[in-house]
Amino acid sequence: MDYMVKLHPKAAALLRRLPEPLAERIRQKLLDTASNPFQYLEHFAGQDVYKLRIGDYRALIDVDFERNILWVRVLDKRGRIYKR
């Protein structure tokens, strides 16, 4: 079953600021992930979220199993994600 992808406002704002080819690549990866989340998602150590690798970027995602929603909470470059 496909999941719906929802973006936190800050993640959506970052996506709008990126160059279009990169933003499109990230959007496509999120859509691919929605069709088969656990092929792409990895558990983020020490937290109750999953991470998704997209080139040099990472997305931290909460999964709502009851409503089949992937909540993209954070989207940023790899180095900045791991400093949080």
PDB file of N, CA and C in Angstrom:
ATOM      1  N   MET A   1       0.840  -1.186   0.000  1.00  0.00           N
ATOM      2  CA  MET A   1       0.000   0.000   0.000  1.00  0.00           C
ATOM      3  C   MET A   1       0.883   1.246   0.000  1.00  0.00           C
ATOM      4  N   ASP A   2       0.537   2.200  -0.826  1.00  0.00           N
ATOM      5  CA  ASP A   2       1.303   3.445  -0.896  1.00  0.00           C
ATOM      6  C   ASP A   2       1.053   4.325   0.322  1.00  0.00           C
ATOM      7  N   TYR A   3       2.085   5.022   0.701  1.00  0.00           N
ATOM      8  CA  TYR A   3       2.002   5.999   1.779  1.00  0.00           C
ATOM      9  C   TYR A   3       1.876   7.390   1.170  1.00  0.00           C
ATOM     10  N   MET A   4       1.276   8.313   1.922  1.00  0.00           N
ATOM     11  CA  MET A   4       1.216   9.709   1.515  1.00  0.00           C
ATOM     12  C   MET A   4       2.430  10.404   2.128  1.00  0.00           C
ATOM     13  N   VAL A   5       3.042  11.321   1.395  1.00  0.00           N
ATOM     14  CA  VAL A   5       4.194  12.076   1.892  1.00  0.00           C
ATOM     15  C   VAL A   5       3.736  13.480   2.264  1.00  0.00           C
ATOM     16  N   LYS A   6       4.055  13.888   3.487  1.00  0.00           N
ATOM     17  CA  LYS A   6       3.761  15.249   3.933  1.00  0.00           C
ATOM     18  C   LYS A   6       5.053  15.873   4.431  1.00  0.00           C
ATOM     19  N   LEU A   7       5.242  17.154   4.118  1.00  0.00           N
ATOM     20  CA  LEU A   7       6.468  17.865   4.482  1.00  0.00           C
ATOM     21  C   LEU A   7       6.211  18.869   5.593  1.00  0.00           C
ATOM     22  N   HIS A   8       7.110  18.909   6.555  1.00  0.00           N
ATOM     23  CA  HIS A   8       7.103  19.974   7.561  1.00  0.00           C
ATOM     24  C   HIS A   8       7.346  21.285   6.812  1.00  0.00           C
ATOM     25  N   PRO A   9       6.776  22.400   7.251  1.00  0.00           N
ATOM     26  CA  PRO A   9       6.966  23.671   6.536  1.00  0.00           C
ATOM     27  C   PRO A   9       8.433  24.052   6.305  1.00  0.00           C
ATOM     28  N   LYS A  10       9.312  23.769   7.256  1.00  0.00           N
ATOM     29  CA  LYS A  10      10.732  24.094   7.059  1.00  0.00           C
ATOM     30  C   LYS A  10      11.361  23.205   5.990  1.00  0.00           C
ATOM     31  N   ALA A  11      10.960  21.940   5.940  1.00  0.00           N
ATOM     32  CA  ALA A  11      11.471  21.038   4.902  1.00  0.00           C
ATOM     33  C   ALA A  11      10.973  21.488   3.533  1.00  0.00           C
ATOM     34  N   ALA A  12       9.719  21.901   3.457  1.00  0.00           N
ATOM     35  CA  ALA A  12       9.159  22.385   2.191  1.00  0.00           C
ATOM     36  C   ALA A  12       9.861  23.663   1.745  1.00  0.00           C
ATOM     37  N   ALA A  13      10.181  24.537   2.695  1.00  0.00           N
ATOM     38  CA  ALA A  13      10.871  25.792   2.361  1.00  0.00           C
ATOM     39  C   ALA A  13      12.262  25.507   1.805  1.00  0.00           C
ATOM     40  N   LEU A  14      12.979  24.565   2.404  1.00  0.00           N
ATOM     41  CA  LEU A  14      14.309  24.218   1.893  1.00  0.00           C
ATOM     42  C   LEU A  14      14.194  23.651   0.482  1.00  0.00           C
ATOM     43  N   LEU A  15      13.222  22.806   0.263  1.00  0.00           N
ATOM     44  CA  LEU A  15      13.032  22.199  -1.055  1.00  0.00           C
ATOM     45  C   LEU A  15      12.780  23.266  -2.121  1.00  0.00           C
ATOM     46  N   ARG A  16      12.029  24.307  -1.775  1.00  0.00           N
ATOM     47  CA  ARG A  16      11.759  25.391  -2.730  1.00  0.00           C
ATOM     48  C   ARG A  16      13.011  26.207  -3.043  1.00  0.00           C
ATOM     49  N   ARG A  17      13.958  26.273  -2.112  1.00  0.00           N
ATOM     50  CA  ARG A  17      15.174  27.068  -2.321  1.00  0.00           C
ATOM     51  C   ARG A  17      16.252  26.330  -3.115  1.00  0.00           C
ATOM     52  N   LEU A  18      16.133  25.035  -3.257  1.00  0.00           N
ATOM     53  CA  LEU A  18      17.154  24.252  -3.953  1.00  0.00           C
ATOM     54  C   LEU A  18      17.049  24.441  -5.464  1.00  0.00           C
ATOM     55  N   PRO A  19      18.161  24.229  -6.177  1.00  0.00           N
ATOM     56  CA  PRO A  19      18.093  24.244  -7.647  1.00  0.00           C
ATOM     57  C   PRO A  19      17.083  23.195  -8.129  1.00  0.00           C
ATOM     58  N   GLU A  20      16.365  23.513  -9.176  1.00  0.00           N
ATOM     59  CA  GLU A  20      15.269  22.659  -9.632  1.00  0.00           C
ATOM     60  C   GLU A  20      15.680  21.210  -9.908  1.00  0.00           C
ATOM     61  N   PRO A  21      16.822  20.933 -10.562  1.00  0.00           N
ATOM     62  CA  PRO A  21      17.170  19.519 -10.786  1.00  0.00           C
ATOM     63  C   PRO A  21      17.336  18.738  -9.472  1.00  0.00           C
ATOM     64  N   LEU A  22      17.941  19.361  -8.474  1.00  0.00           N
ATOM     65  CA  LEU A  22      18.121  18.704  -7.178  1.00  0.00           C
ATOM     66  C   LEU A  22      16.781  18.545  -6.464  1.00  0.00           C
ATOM     67  N   ALA A  23      15.959  19.571  -6.490  1.00  0.00           N
ATOM     68  CA  ALA A  23      14.640  19.499  -5.853  1.00  0.00           C
ATOM     69  C   ALA A  23      13.797  18.396  -6.492  1.00  0.00           C
ATOM     70  N   GLU A  24      13.856  18.280  -7.809  1.00  0.00           N
ATOM     71  CA  GLU A  24      13.098  17.241  -8.509  1.00  0.00           C
ATOM     72  C   GLU A  24      13.616  15.852  -8.135  1.00  0.00           C
ATOM     73  N   ARG A  25      14.918  15.708  -7.999  1.00  0.00           N
ATOM     74  CA  ARG A  25      15.504  14.422  -7.592  1.00  0.00           C
ATOM     75  C   ARG A  25      15.004  14.030  -6.197  1.00  0.00           C
ATOM     76  N   ILE A  26      14.955  15.000  -5.291  1.00  0.00           N
ATOM     77  CA  ILE A  26      14.474  14.731  -3.932  1.00  0.00           C
ATOM     78  C   ILE A  26      12.990  14.374  -3.956  1.00  0.00           C
ATOM     79  N   ARG A  27      12.185  15.129  -4.717  1.00  0.00           N
ATOM     80  CA  ARG A  27      10.752  14.824  -4.820  1.00  0.00           C
ATOM     81  C   ARG A  27      10.530  13.414  -5.370  1.00  0.00           C
ATOM     82  N   GLN A  28      11.303  13.041  -6.386  1.00  0.00           N
ATOM     83  CA  GLN A  28      11.149  11.712  -6.982  1.00  0.00           C
ATOM     84  C   GLN A  28      11.518  10.614  -5.991  1.00  0.00           C
ATOM     85  N   LYS A  29      12.575  10.836  -5.223  1.00  0.00           N
ATOM     86  CA  LYS A  29      12.979   9.842  -4.216  1.00  0.00           C
ATOM     87  C   LYS A  29      11.901   9.694  -3.145  1.00  0.00           C
ATOM     88  N   LEU A  30      11.279  10.806  -2.752  1.00  0.00           N
ATOM     89  CA  LEU A  30      10.192  10.737  -1.772  1.00  0.00           C
ATOM     90  C   LEU A  30       8.999   9.965  -2.337  1.00  0.00           C
ATOM     91  N   LEU A  31       8.681  10.177  -3.606  1.00  0.00           N
ATOM     92  CA  LEU A  31       7.581   9.432  -4.233  1.00  0.00           C
ATOM     93  C   LEU A  31       7.906   7.943  -4.343  1.00  0.00           C
ATOM     94  N   ASP A  32       9.147   7.625  -4.706  1.00  0.00           N
ATOM     95  CA  ASP A  32       9.568   6.221  -4.758  1.00  0.00           C
ATOM     96  C   ASP A  32       9.452   5.580  -3.377  1.00  0.00           C
ATOM     97  N   THR A  33       9.848   6.335  -2.367  1.00  0.00           N
ATOM     98  CA  THR A  33       9.802   5.834  -0.995  1.00  0.00           C
ATOM     99  C   THR A  33       8.360   5.603  -0.551  1.00  0.00           C
ATOM    100  N   ALA A  34       7.447   6.447  -0.990  1.00  0.00           N
ATOM    101  CA  ALA A  34       6.038   6.299  -0.610  1.00  0.00           C
ATOM    102  C   ALA A  34       5.457   4.982  -1.105  1.00  0.00           C
ATOM    103  N   SER A  35       5.936   4.484  -2.233  1.00  0.00           N
ATOM    104  CA  SER A  35       5.396   3.236  -2.768  1.00  0.00           C
ATOM    105  C   SER A  35       5.964   2.007  -2.069  1.00  0.00           C
ATOM    106  N   ASN A  36       7.159   2.122  -1.490  1.00  0.00           N
ATOM    107  CA  ASN A  36       7.771   0.996  -0.782  1.00  0.00           C
ATOM    108  C   ASN A  36       8.729   1.544   0.277  1.00  0.00           C
ATOM    109  N   PRO A  37       8.199   2.073   1.389  1.00  0.00           N
ATOM    110  CA  PRO A  37       9.027   2.813   2.346  1.00  0.00           C
ATOM    111  C   PRO A  37      10.212   2.040   2.902  1.00  0.00           C
ATOM    112  N   PHE A  38      10.021   0.785   3.204  1.00  0.00           N
ATOM    113  CA  PHE A  38      11.079   0.100   3.937  1.00  0.00           C
ATOM    114  C   PHE A  38      12.145  -0.499   3.030  1.00  0.00           C
ATOM    115  N   GLN A  39      12.025  -0.248   1.739  1.00  0.00           N
ATOM    116  CA  GLN A  39      13.131  -0.541   0.832  1.00  0.00           C
ATOM    117  C   GLN A  39      14.185   0.558   0.964  1.00  0.00           C
ATOM    118  N   TYR A  40      13.758   1.777   1.281  1.00  0.00           N
ATOM    119  CA  TYR A  40      14.645   2.934   1.296  1.00  0.00           C
ATOM    120  C   TYR A  40      14.954   3.473   2.688  1.00  0.00           C
ATOM    121  N   LEU A  41      14.030   3.354   3.626  1.00  0.00           N
ATOM    122  CA  LEU A  41      14.210   3.968   4.942  1.00  0.00           C
ATOM    123  C   LEU A  41      15.079   3.111   5.845  1.00  0.00           C
ATOM    124  N   GLU A  42      15.900   3.795   6.639  1.00  0.00           N
ATOM    125  CA  GLU A  42      16.717   3.134   7.657  1.00  0.00           C
ATOM    126  C   GLU A  42      16.388   3.779   8.993  1.00  0.00           C
ATOM    127  N   HIS A  43      16.410   2.971  10.049  1.00  0.00           N
ATOM    128  CA  HIS A  43      16.157   3.529  11.376  1.00  0.00           C
ATOM    129  C   HIS A  43      17.307   4.458  11.747  1.00  0.00           C
ATOM    130  N   PHE A  44      16.980   5.626  12.279  1.00  0.00           N
ATOM    131  CA  PHE A  44      17.978   6.618  12.687  1.00  0.00           C
ATOM    132  C   PHE A  44      18.374   6.307  14.123  1.00  0.00           C
ATOM    133  N   ALA A  45      19.625   5.920  14.325  1.00  0.00           N
ATOM    134  CA  ALA A  45      20.114   5.455  15.624  1.00  0.00           C
ATOM    135  C   ALA A  45      19.835   6.458  16.740  1.00  0.00           C
ATOM    136  N   GLY A  46      19.293   5.938  17.829  1.00  0.00           N
ATOM    137  CA  GLY A  46      19.080   6.757  19.013  1.00  0.00           C
ATOM    138  C   GLY A  46      17.819   7.600  18.992  1.00  0.00           C
ATOM    139  N   GLN A  47      17.045   7.532  17.913  1.00  0.00           N
ATOM    140  CA  GLN A  47      15.817   8.324  17.836  1.00  0.00           C
ATOM    141  C   GLN A  47      14.705   7.471  17.246  1.00  0.00           C
ATOM    142  N   ASP A  48      13.493   7.931  17.429  1.00  0.00           N
ATOM    143  CA  ASP A  48      12.330   7.197  16.947  1.00  0.00           C
ATOM    144  C   ASP A  48      11.885   7.718  15.580  1.00  0.00           C
ATOM    145  N   VAL A  49      12.839   7.875  14.669  1.00  0.00           N
ATOM    146  CA  VAL A  49      12.560   8.332  13.305  1.00  0.00           C
ATOM    147  C   VAL A  49      13.373   7.491  12.331  1.00  0.00           C
ATOM    148  N   TYR A  50      13.060   7.655  11.067  1.00  0.00           N
ATOM    149  CA  TYR A  50      13.794   6.979  10.005  1.00  0.00           C
ATOM    150  C   TYR A  50      14.535   8.015   9.183  1.00  0.00           C
ATOM    151  N   LYS A  51      15.606   7.571   8.527  1.00  0.00           N
ATOM    152  CA  LYS A  51      16.346   8.481   7.656  1.00  0.00           C
ATOM    153  C   LYS A  51      16.270   7.967   6.228  1.00  0.00           C
ATOM    154  N   LEU A  52      16.339   8.919   5.315  1.00  0.00           N
ATOM    155  CA  LEU A  52      16.330   8.618   3.890  1.00  0.00           C
ATOM    156  C   LEU A  52      17.507   9.334   3.264  1.00  0.00           C
ATOM    157  N   ARG A  53      18.350   8.595   2.577  1.00  0.00           N
ATOM    158  CA  ARG A  53      19.509   9.175   1.897  1.00  0.00           C
ATOM    159  C   ARG A  53      19.114   9.603   0.494  1.00  0.00           C
ATOM    160  N   ILE A  54      19.473  10.854   0.162  1.00  0.00           N
ATOM    161  CA  ILE A  54      19.210  11.389  -1.176  1.00  0.00           C
ATOM    162  C   ILE A  54      20.464  12.154  -1.576  1.00  0.00           C
ATOM    163  N   GLY A  55      21.455  11.461  -2.108  1.00  0.00           N
ATOM    164  CA  GLY A  55      22.726  12.106  -2.438  1.00  0.00           C
ATOM    165  C   GLY A  55      23.374  12.673  -1.194  1.00  0.00           C
ATOM    166  N   ASP A  56      23.708  13.966  -1.213  1.00  0.00           N
ATOM    167  CA  ASP A  56      24.317  14.632  -0.060  1.00  0.00           C
ATOM    168  C   ASP A  56      23.280  15.089   0.954  1.00  0.00           C
ATOM    169  N   TYR A  57      22.016  14.856   0.683  1.00  0.00           N
ATOM    170  CA  TYR A  57      20.943  15.296   1.573  1.00  0.00           C
ATOM    171  C   TYR A  57      20.379  14.110   2.339  1.00  0.00           C
ATOM    172  N   ARG A  58      19.781  14.423   3.482  1.00  0.00           N
ATOM    173  CA  ARG A  58      19.106  13.430   4.296  1.00  0.00           C
ATOM    174  C   ARG A  58      17.743  13.986   4.691  1.00  0.00           C
ATOM    175  N   ALA A  59      16.788  13.092   4.788  1.00  0.00           N
ATOM    176  CA  ALA A  59      15.464  13.435   5.306  1.00  0.00           C
ATOM    177  C   ALA A  59      15.233  12.587   6.545  1.00  0.00           C
ATOM    178  N   LEU A  60      14.763  13.214   7.611  1.00  0.00           N
ATOM    179  CA  LEU A  60      14.346  12.481   8.806  1.00  0.00           C
ATOM    180  C   LEU A  60      12.829  12.396   8.759  1.00  0.00           C
ATOM    181  N   ILE A  61      12.332  11.175   8.850  1.00  0.00           N
ATOM    182  CA  ILE A  61      10.925  10.906   8.569  1.00  0.00           C
ATOM    183  C   ILE A  61      10.272  10.146   9.716  1.00  0.00           C
ATOM    184  N   ASP A  62       9.116  10.646  10.159  1.00  0.00           N
ATOM    185  CA  ASP A  62       8.249   9.909  11.082  1.00  0.00           C
ATOM    186  C   ASP A  62       7.277   9.113  10.227  1.00  0.00           C
ATOM    187  N   VAL A  63       7.024   7.876  10.618  1.00  0.00           N
ATOM    188  CA  VAL A  63       6.089   7.035   9.871  1.00  0.00           C
ATOM    189  C   VAL A  63       4.832   6.834  10.711  1.00  0.00           C
ATOM    190  N   ASP A  64       3.691   7.221  10.158  1.00  0.00           N
ATOM    191  CA  ASP A  64       2.397   6.984  10.792  1.00  0.00           C
ATOM    192  C   ASP A  64       1.829   5.721  10.142  1.00  0.00           C
ATOM    193  N   PHE A  65       1.985   4.597  10.837  1.00  0.00           N
ATOM    194  CA  PHE A  65       1.585   3.310  10.280  1.00  0.00           C
ATOM    195  C   PHE A  65       0.068   3.176  10.171  1.00  0.00           C
ATOM    196  N   GLU A  66      -0.665   3.806  11.076  1.00  0.00           N
ATOM    197  CA  GLU A  66      -2.125   3.682  11.065  1.00  0.00           C
ATOM    198  C   GLU A  66      -2.755   4.419   9.888  1.00  0.00           C
ATOM    199  N   ARG A  67      -2.207   5.598   9.561  1.00  0.00           N
ATOM    200  CA  ARG A  67      -2.788   6.407   8.480  1.00  0.00           C
ATOM    201  C   ARG A  67      -1.961   6.358   7.195  1.00  0.00           C
ATOM    202  N   ASN A  68      -0.885   5.569   7.188  1.00  0.00           N
ATOM    203  CA  ASN A  68      -0.005   5.432   6.016  1.00  0.00           C
ATOM    204  C   ASN A  68       0.514   6.781   5.532  1.00  0.00           C
ATOM    205  N   ILE A  69       1.150   7.505   6.455  1.00  0.00           N
ATOM    206  CA  ILE A  69       1.713   8.813   6.128  1.00  0.00           C
ATOM    207  C   ILE A  69       3.192   8.828   6.482  1.00  0.00           C
ATOM    208  N   LEU A  70       4.004   9.350   5.570  1.00  0.00           N
ATOM    209  CA  LEU A  70       5.418   9.620   5.832  1.00  0.00           C
ATOM    210  C   LEU A  70       5.540  11.114   6.085  1.00  0.00           C
ATOM    211  N   TRP A  71       5.882  11.502   7.308  1.00  0.00           N
ATOM    212  CA  TRP A  71       6.033  12.910   7.689  1.00  0.00           C
ATOM    213  C   TRP A  71       7.498  13.281   7.585  1.00  0.00           C
ATOM    214  N   VAL A  72       7.864  14.076   6.596  1.00  0.00           N
ATOM    215  CA  VAL A  72       9.247  14.536   6.448  1.00  0.00           C
ATOM    216  C   VAL A  72       9.431  15.691   7.427  1.00  0.00           C
ATOM    217  N   ARG A  73      10.101  15.416   8.541  1.00  0.00           N
ATOM    218  CA  ARG A  73      10.274  16.410   9.605  1.00  0.00           C
ATOM    219  C   ARG A  73      11.451  17.330   9.334  1.00  0.00           C
ATOM    220  N   VAL A  74      12.544  16.757   8.824  1.00  0.00           N
ATOM    221  CA  VAL A  74      13.761  17.538   8.584  1.00  0.00           C
ATOM    222  C   VAL A  74      14.321  17.127   7.233  1.00  0.00           C
ATOM    223  N   LEU A  75      14.754  18.108   6.463  1.00  0.00           N
ATOM    224  CA  LEU A  75      15.430  17.876   5.193  1.00  0.00           C
ATOM    225  C   LEU A  75      16.599  18.838   5.146  1.00  0.00           C
ATOM    226  N   ASP A  76      17.811  18.289   5.026  1.00  0.00           N
ATOM    227  CA  ASP A  76      18.992  19.157   5.022  1.00  0.00           C
ATOM    228  C   ASP A  76      20.191  18.364   4.526  1.00  0.00           C
ATOM    229  N   LYS A  77      21.308  19.065   4.368  1.00  0.00           N
ATOM    230  CA  LYS A  77      22.548  18.396   3.976  1.00  0.00           C
ATOM    231  C   LYS A  77      22.986  17.435   5.067  1.00  0.00           C
ATOM    232  N   ARG A  78      23.672  16.407   4.676  1.00  0.00           N
ATOM    233  CA  ARG A  78      24.082  15.347   5.582  1.00  0.00           C
ATOM    234  C   ARG A  78      24.790  15.872   6.826  1.00  0.00           C
ATOM    235  N   GLY A  79      25.776  16.741   6.653  1.00  0.00           N
ATOM    236  CA  GLY A  79      26.558  17.244   7.779  1.00  0.00           C
ATOM    237  C   GLY A  79      25.724  17.987   8.803  1.00  0.00           C
ATOM    238  N   ARG A  80      24.747  18.727   8.337  1.00  0.00           N
ATOM    239  CA  ARG A  80      23.904  19.491   9.266  1.00  0.00           C
ATOM    240  C   ARG A  80      22.893  18.602   9.984  1.00  0.00           C
ATOM    241  N   ILE A  81      22.444  17.551   9.329  1.00  0.00           N
ATOM    242  CA  ILE A  81      21.488  16.630   9.963  1.00  0.00           C
ATOM    243  C   ILE A  81      22.128  15.966  11.173  1.00  0.00           C
ATOM    244  N   TYR A  82      23.354  15.496  11.013  1.00  0.00           N
ATOM    245  CA  TYR A  82      23.984  14.731  12.080  1.00  0.00           C
ATOM    246  C   TYR A  82      24.487  15.604  13.216  1.00  0.00           C
ATOM    247  N   LYS A  83      24.522  16.914  13.038  1.00  0.00           N
ATOM    248  CA  LYS A  83      24.925  17.812  14.122  1.00  0.00           C
ATOM    249  C   LYS A  83      23.771  18.122  15.060  1.00  0.00           C
ATOM    250  N   ARG A  84      22.547  17.813  14.642  1.00  0.00           N
ATOM    251  CA  ARG A  84      21.355  18.153  15.449  1.00  0.00           C
ATOM    252  C   ARG A  84      21.232  17.265  16.649  1.00  0.00           C
TER     253      ARG A  84
END
